[in-house]
Amino acid sequence: MSQNWITIKSTDQVYQLEILKGLLLQHDITSVVINKQDSSYMNFGEAELKVLESDSEKALQIINQENE
């Protein structure tokens, strides 16, 4: 059975996504950070925070509450 992963946030600041990943983990939501930045320069590309499609709505609510 395949699981669908949804990108809920992308940025060029990987550390921000790692913080959000920890926040989601506190709420029992599994997430992954996919770093698509160029490894030579770290100036090109972005990283993405992904969650399972079934957790995406709850994850977005948690992130929005954190930003308020």
PDB file of N, CA and C in Angstrom:
ATOM      1  N   MET A   1       0.852  -1.187   0.000  1.00  0.00           N
ATOM      2  CA  MET A   1       0.000   0.000   0.000  1.00  0.00           C
ATOM      3  C   MET A   1       0.890   1.241   0.000  1.00  0.00           C
ATOM      4  N   SER A   2       0.755   2.058  -1.000  1.00  0.00           N
ATOM      5  CA  SER A   2       1.568   3.272  -1.058  1.00  0.00           C
ATOM      6  C   SER A   2       0.899   4.396  -0.280  1.00  0.00           C
ATOM      7  N   GLN A   3       1.741   5.243   0.254  1.00  0.00           N
ATOM      8  CA  GLN A   3       1.230   6.382   1.015  1.00  0.00           C
ATOM      9  C   GLN A   3       1.554   7.653   0.241  1.00  0.00           C
ATOM     10  N   ASN A   4       0.620   8.576   0.242  1.00  0.00           N
ATOM     11  CA  ASN A   4       0.817   9.833  -0.461  1.00  0.00           C
ATOM     12  C   ASN A   4       1.363  10.881   0.488  1.00  0.00           C
ATOM     13  N   TRP A   5       2.466  11.480   0.081  1.00  0.00           N
ATOM     14  CA  TRP A   5       3.093  12.539   0.864  1.00  0.00           C
ATOM     15  C   TRP A   5       2.761  13.878   0.207  1.00  0.00           C
ATOM     16  N   ILE A   6       2.463  14.863   1.038  1.00  0.00           N
ATOM     17  CA  ILE A   6       2.079  16.196   0.579  1.00  0.00           C
ATOM     18  C   ILE A   6       3.106  17.214   1.088  1.00  0.00           C
ATOM     19  N   THR A   7       3.527  18.125   0.227  1.00  0.00           N
ATOM     20  CA  THR A   7       4.399  19.212   0.654  1.00  0.00           C
ATOM     21  C   THR A   7       3.538  20.273   1.317  1.00  0.00           C
ATOM     22  N   ILE A   8       3.840  20.582   2.584  1.00  0.00           N
ATOM     23  CA  ILE A   8       3.053  21.601   3.278  1.00  0.00           C
ATOM     24  C   ILE A   8       3.817  22.905   3.463  1.00  0.00           C
ATOM     25  N   LYS A   9       5.137  22.866   3.267  1.00  0.00           N
ATOM     26  CA  LYS A   9       5.925  24.095   3.382  1.00  0.00           C
ATOM     27  C   LYS A   9       7.231  23.894   2.631  1.00  0.00           C
ATOM     28  N   SER A  10       7.693  24.940   1.973  1.00  0.00           N
ATOM     29  CA  SER A  10       9.005  24.905   1.334  1.00  0.00           C
ATOM     30  C   SER A  10       9.701  26.235   1.581  1.00  0.00           C
ATOM     31  N   THR A  11      10.999  26.166   1.741  1.00  0.00           N
ATOM     32  CA  THR A  11      11.806  27.348   2.021  1.00  0.00           C
ATOM     33  C   THR A  11      13.262  27.031   1.715  1.00  0.00           C
ATOM     34  N   ASP A  12      14.087  28.071   1.629  1.00  0.00           N
ATOM     35  CA  ASP A  12      15.518  27.843   1.465  1.00  0.00           C
ATOM     36  C   ASP A  12      16.230  27.784   2.817  1.00  0.00           C
ATOM     37  N   GLN A  13      15.477  27.922   3.901  1.00  0.00           N
ATOM     38  CA  GLN A  13      16.017  27.859   5.258  1.00  0.00           C
ATOM     39  C   GLN A  13      15.690  26.488   5.867  1.00  0.00           C
ATOM     40  N   VAL A  14      16.590  25.519   5.688  1.00  0.00           N
ATOM     41  CA  VAL A  14      16.341  24.144   6.109  1.00  0.00           C
ATOM     42  C   VAL A  14      16.083  24.067   7.608  1.00  0.00           C
ATOM     43  N   TYR A  15      16.783  24.878   8.401  1.00  0.00           N
ATOM     44  CA  TYR A  15      16.622  24.817   9.852  1.00  0.00           C
ATOM     45  C   TYR A  15      15.183  25.116  10.282  1.00  0.00           C
ATOM     46  N   GLN A  16      14.477  25.993   9.546  1.00  0.00           N
ATOM     47  CA  GLN A  16      13.081  26.291   9.884  1.00  0.00           C
ATOM     48  C   GLN A  16      12.213  25.046   9.723  1.00  0.00           C
ATOM     49  N   LEU A  17      12.474  24.288   8.691  1.00  0.00           N
ATOM     50  CA  LEU A  17      11.700  23.074   8.469  1.00  0.00           C
ATOM     51  C   LEU A  17      12.004  22.022   9.532  1.00  0.00           C
ATOM     52  N   GLU A  18      13.251  21.962   9.980  1.00  0.00           N
ATOM     53  CA  GLU A  18      13.617  21.012  11.035  1.00  0.00           C
ATOM     54  C   GLU A  18      12.904  21.362  12.349  1.00  0.00           C
ATOM     55  N   ILE A  19      12.758  22.646  12.623  1.00  0.00           N
ATOM     56  CA  ILE A  19      12.016  23.083  13.813  1.00  0.00           C
ATOM     57  C   ILE A  19      10.552  22.669  13.700  1.00  0.00           C
ATOM     58  N   LEU A  20       9.954  22.905  12.539  1.00  0.00           N
ATOM     59  CA  LEU A  20       8.560  22.515  12.321  1.00  0.00           C
ATOM     60  C   LEU A  20       8.398  20.996  12.386  1.00  0.00           C
ATOM     61  N   LYS A  21       9.374  20.270  11.880  1.00  0.00           N
ATOM     62  CA  LYS A  21       9.332  18.812  11.952  1.00  0.00           C
ATOM     63  C   LYS A  21       9.274  18.349  13.403  1.00  0.00           C
ATOM     64  N   GLY A  22      10.076  18.979  14.269  1.00  0.00           N
ATOM     65  CA  GLY A  22      10.049  18.662  15.700  1.00  0.00           C
ATOM     66  C   GLY A  22       8.709  19.000  16.331  1.00  0.00           C
ATOM     67  N   LEU A  23       8.136  20.125  15.933  1.00  0.00           N
ATOM     68  CA  LEU A  23       6.824  20.523  16.443  1.00  0.00           C
ATOM     69  C   LEU A  23       5.758  19.502  16.054  1.00  0.00           C
ATOM     70  N   LEU A  24       5.782  19.069  14.813  1.00  0.00           N
ATOM     71  CA  LEU A  24       4.810  18.082  14.355  1.00  0.00           C
ATOM     72  C   LEU A  24       5.001  16.736  15.062  1.00  0.00           C
ATOM     73  N   LEU A  25       6.235  16.379  15.326  1.00  0.00           N
ATOM     74  CA  LEU A  25       6.513  15.135  16.028  1.00  0.00           C
ATOM     75  C   LEU A  25       5.921  15.151  17.439  1.00  0.00           C
ATOM     76  N   GLN A  26       5.916  16.318  18.081  1.00  0.00           N
ATOM     77  CA  GLN A  26       5.301  16.450  19.406  1.00  0.00           C
ATOM     78  C   GLN A  26       3.805  16.156  19.359  1.00  0.00           C
ATOM     79  N   HIS A  27       3.205  16.322  18.184  1.00  0.00           N
ATOM     80  CA  HIS A  27       1.776  16.049  17.994  1.00  0.00           C
ATOM     81  C   HIS A  27       1.551  14.714  17.284  1.00  0.00           C
ATOM     82  N   ASP A  28       2.556  13.853  17.306  1.00  0.00           N
ATOM     83  CA  ASP A  28       2.487  12.512  16.711  1.00  0.00           C
ATOM     84  C   ASP A  28       2.206  12.524  15.209  1.00  0.00           C
ATOM     85  N   ILE A  29       2.756  13.509  14.525  1.00  0.00           N
ATOM     86  CA  ILE A  29       2.633  13.575  13.071  1.00  0.00           C
ATOM     87  C   ILE A  29       4.013  13.327  12.471  1.00  0.00           C
ATOM     88  N   THR A  30       4.099  12.307  11.653  1.00  0.00           N
ATOM     89  CA  THR A  30       5.351  11.980  10.983  1.00  0.00           C
ATOM     90  C   THR A  30       5.552  12.925   9.812  1.00  0.00           C
ATOM     91  N   SER A  31       6.761  13.470   9.719  1.00  0.00           N
ATOM     92  CA  SER A  31       7.079  14.359   8.604  1.00  0.00           C
ATOM     93  C   SER A  31       8.523  14.112   8.175  1.00  0.00           C
ATOM     94  N   VAL A  32       8.841  14.542   6.976  1.00  0.00           N
ATOM     95  CA  VAL A  32      10.197  14.429   6.448  1.00  0.00           C
ATOM     96  C   VAL A  32      10.586  15.741   5.779  1.00  0.00           C
ATOM     97  N   VAL A  33      11.871  16.036   5.836  1.00  0.00           N
ATOM     98  CA  VAL A  33      12.408  17.201   5.146  1.00  0.00           C
ATOM     99  C   VAL A  33      13.191  16.682   3.945  1.00  0.00           C
ATOM    100  N   ILE A  34      12.814  17.146   2.776  1.00  0.00           N
ATOM    101  CA  ILE A  34      13.511  16.800   1.540  1.00  0.00           C
ATOM    102  C   ILE A  34      14.302  18.023   1.106  1.00  0.00           C
ATOM    103  N   ASN A  35      15.628  17.905   1.147  1.00  0.00           N
ATOM    104  CA  ASN A  35      16.488  19.024   0.799  1.00  0.00           C
ATOM    105  C   ASN A  35      16.842  18.952  -0.679  1.00  0.00           C
ATOM    106  N   LYS A  36      16.368  19.927  -1.445  1.00  0.00           N
ATOM    107  CA  LYS A  36      16.622  19.983  -2.884  1.00  0.00           C
ATOM    108  C   LYS A  36      17.601  21.092  -3.244  1.00  0.00           C
ATOM    109  N   GLN A  37      18.339  21.569  -2.246  1.00  0.00           N
ATOM    110  CA  GLN A  37      19.293  22.630  -2.504  1.00  0.00           C
ATOM    111  C   GLN A  37      20.540  22.069  -3.182  1.00  0.00           C
ATOM    112  N   ASP A  38      21.184  22.891  -3.988  1.00  0.00           N
ATOM    113  CA  ASP A  38      22.433  22.521  -4.619  1.00  0.00           C
ATOM    114  C   ASP A  38      23.479  22.303  -3.533  1.00  0.00           C
ATOM    115  N   SER A  39      24.117  21.169  -3.536  1.00  0.00           N
ATOM    116  CA  SER A  39      25.060  20.834  -2.465  1.00  0.00           C
ATOM    117  C   SER A  39      26.367  21.616  -2.552  1.00  0.00           C
ATOM    118  N   SER A  40      26.672  22.184  -3.691  1.00  0.00           N
ATOM    119  CA  SER A  40      27.918  22.928  -3.844  1.00  0.00           C
ATOM    120  C   SER A  40      27.826  24.348  -3.302  1.00  0.00           C
ATOM    121  N   TYR A  41      26.700  25.001  -3.535  1.00  0.00           N
ATOM    122  CA  TYR A  41      26.584  26.410  -3.201  1.00  0.00           C
ATOM    123  C   TYR A  41      25.564  26.707  -2.111  1.00  0.00           C
ATOM    124  N   MET A  42      24.567  25.849  -1.919  1.00  0.00           N
ATOM    125  CA  MET A  42      23.508  26.030  -0.930  1.00  0.00           C
ATOM    126  C   MET A  42      22.701  27.312  -1.153  1.00  0.00           C
ATOM    127  N   ASN A  43      22.807  27.905  -2.327  1.00  0.00           N
ATOM    128  CA  ASN A  43      22.059  29.116  -2.652  1.00  0.00           C
ATOM    129  C   ASN A  43      20.924  28.846  -3.626  1.00  0.00           C
ATOM    130  N   PHE A  44      20.935  27.704  -4.243  1.00  0.00           N
ATOM    131  CA  PHE A  44      19.961  27.403  -5.276  1.00  0.00           C
ATOM    132  C   PHE A  44      19.050  26.274  -4.812  1.00  0.00           C
ATOM    133  N   GLY A  45      17.769  26.461  -4.981  1.00  0.00           N
ATOM    134  CA  GLY A  45      16.808  25.424  -4.632  1.00  0.00           C
ATOM    135  C   GLY A  45      16.224  25.630  -3.238  1.00  0.00           C
ATOM    136  N   GLU A  46      15.284  24.774  -2.911  1.00  0.00           N
ATOM    137  CA  GLU A  46      14.599  24.858  -1.625  1.00  0.00           C
ATOM    138  C   GLU A  46      14.506  23.479  -1.005  1.00  0.00           C
ATOM    139  N   ALA A  47      14.141  23.471   0.248  1.00  0.00           N
ATOM    140  CA  ALA A  47      13.840  22.229   0.953  1.00  0.00           C
ATOM    141  C   ALA A  47      12.330  22.193   1.176  1.00  0.00           C
ATOM    142  N   GLU A  48      11.794  20.988   1.295  1.00  0.00           N
ATOM    143  CA  GLU A  48      10.349  20.825   1.458  1.00  0.00           C
ATOM    144  C   GLU A  48      10.052  20.015   2.712  1.00  0.00           C
ATOM    145  N   LEU A  49       9.000  20.412   3.417  1.00  0.00           N
ATOM    146  CA  LEU A  49       8.490  19.647   4.551  1.00  0.00           C
ATOM    147  C   LEU A  49       7.277  18.881   4.060  1.00  0.00           C
ATOM    148  N   LYS A  50       7.324  17.554   4.194  1.00  0.00           N
ATOM    149  CA  LYS A  50       6.245  16.703   3.689  1.00  0.00           C
ATOM    150  C   LYS A  50       5.627  15.909   4.827  1.00  0.00           C
ATOM    151  N   VAL A  51       4.314  15.728   4.741  1.00  0.00           N
ATOM    152  CA  VAL A  51       3.570  14.891   5.683  1.00  0.00           C
ATOM    153  C   VAL A  51       2.662  13.969   4.883  1.00  0.00           C
ATOM    154  N   LEU A  52       2.180  12.939   5.551  1.00  0.00           N
ATOM    155  CA  LEU A  52       1.220  12.064   4.892  1.00  0.00           C
ATOM    156  C   LEU A  52      -0.045  12.852   4.582  1.00  0.00           C
ATOM    157  N   GLU A  53      -0.652  12.533   3.474  1.00  0.00           N
ATOM    158  CA  GLU A  53      -1.861  13.248   3.049  1.00  0.00           C
ATOM    159  C   GLU A  53      -2.933  13.217   4.141  1.00  0.00           C
ATOM    160  N   SER A  54      -3.036  12.118   4.854  1.00  0.00           N
ATOM    161  CA  SER A  54      -4.055  11.992   5.900  1.00  0.00           C
ATOM    162  C   SER A  54      -3.790  12.919   7.090  1.00  0.00           C
ATOM    163  N   ASP A  55      -2.537  13.365   7.265  1.00  0.00           N
ATOM    164  CA  ASP A  55      -2.178  14.253   8.374  1.00  0.00           C
ATOM    165  C   ASP A  55      -2.033  15.707   7.948  1.00  0.00           C
ATOM    166  N   SER A  56      -2.196  15.994   6.671  1.00  0.00           N
ATOM    167  CA  SER A  56      -1.867  17.329   6.165  1.00  0.00           C
ATOM    168  C   SER A  56      -2.723  18.436   6.769  1.00  0.00           C
ATOM    169  N   GLU A  57      -4.001  18.202   6.912  1.00  0.00           N
ATOM    170  CA  GLU A  57      -4.881  19.243   7.454  1.00  0.00           C
ATOM    171  C   GLU A  57      -4.508  19.582   8.901  1.00  0.00           C
ATOM    172  N   LYS A  58      -4.311  18.568   9.702  1.00  0.00           N
ATOM    173  CA  LYS A  58      -3.936  18.773  11.107  1.00  0.00           C
ATOM    174  C   LYS A  58      -2.561  19.444  11.203  1.00  0.00           C
ATOM    175  N   ALA A  59      -1.631  19.027  10.357  1.00  0.00           N
ATOM    176  CA  ALA A  59      -0.286  19.608  10.369  1.00  0.00           C
ATOM    177  C   ALA A  59      -0.320  21.091  10.020  1.00  0.00           C
ATOM    178  N   LEU A  60      -1.104  21.451   9.019  1.00  0.00           N
ATOM    179  CA  LEU A  60      -1.218  22.865   8.645  1.00  0.00           C
ATOM    180  C   LEU A  60      -1.834  23.693   9.762  1.00  0.00           C
ATOM    181  N   GLN A  61      -2.812  23.142  10.469  1.00  0.00           N
ATOM    182  CA  GLN A  61      -3.421  23.845  11.602  1.00  0.00           C
ATOM    183  C   GLN A  61      -2.387  24.088  12.695  1.00  0.00           C
ATOM    184  N   ILE A  62      -1.576  23.099  12.990  1.00  0.00           N
ATOM    185  CA  ILE A  62      -0.550  23.236  14.026  1.00  0.00           C
ATOM    186  C   ILE A  62       0.476  24.292  13.627  1.00  0.00           C
ATOM    187  N   ILE A  63       0.909  24.256  12.377  1.00  0.00           N
ATOM    188  CA  ILE A  63       1.891  25.237  11.910  1.00  0.00           C
ATOM    189  C   ILE A  63       1.305  26.646  11.928  1.00  0.00           C
ATOM    190  N   ASN A  64       0.059  26.795  11.504  1.00  0.00           N
ATOM    191  CA  ASN A  64      -0.579  28.115  11.514  1.00  0.00           C
ATOM    192  C   ASN A  64      -0.739  28.649  12.929  1.00  0.00           C
ATOM    193  N   GLN A  65      -1.080  27.787  13.883  1.00  0.00           N
ATOM    194  CA  GLN A  65      -1.190  28.214  15.274  1.00  0.00           C
ATOM    195  C   GLN A  65       0.158  28.669  15.803  1.00  0.00           C
ATOM    196  N   GLU A  66       1.213  27.994  15.409  1.00  0.00           N
ATOM    197  CA  GLU A  66       2.556  28.342  15.866  1.00  0.00           C
ATOM    198  C   GLU A  66       2.983  29.711  15.326  1.00  0.00           C
ATOM    199  N   ASN A  67       2.547  30.037  14.120  1.00  0.00           N
ATOM    200  CA  ASN A  67       2.927  31.302  13.498  1.00  0.00           C
ATOM    201  C   ASN A  67       2.134  32.492  14.019  1.00  0.00           C
ATOM    202  N   GLU A  68       1.047  32.239  14.735  1.00  0.00           N
ATOM    203  CA  GLU A  68       0.224  33.356  15.236  1.00  0.00           C
ATOM    204  C   GLU A  68       0.803  33.965  16.473  1.00  0.00           C
TER     205      GLU A  68
END
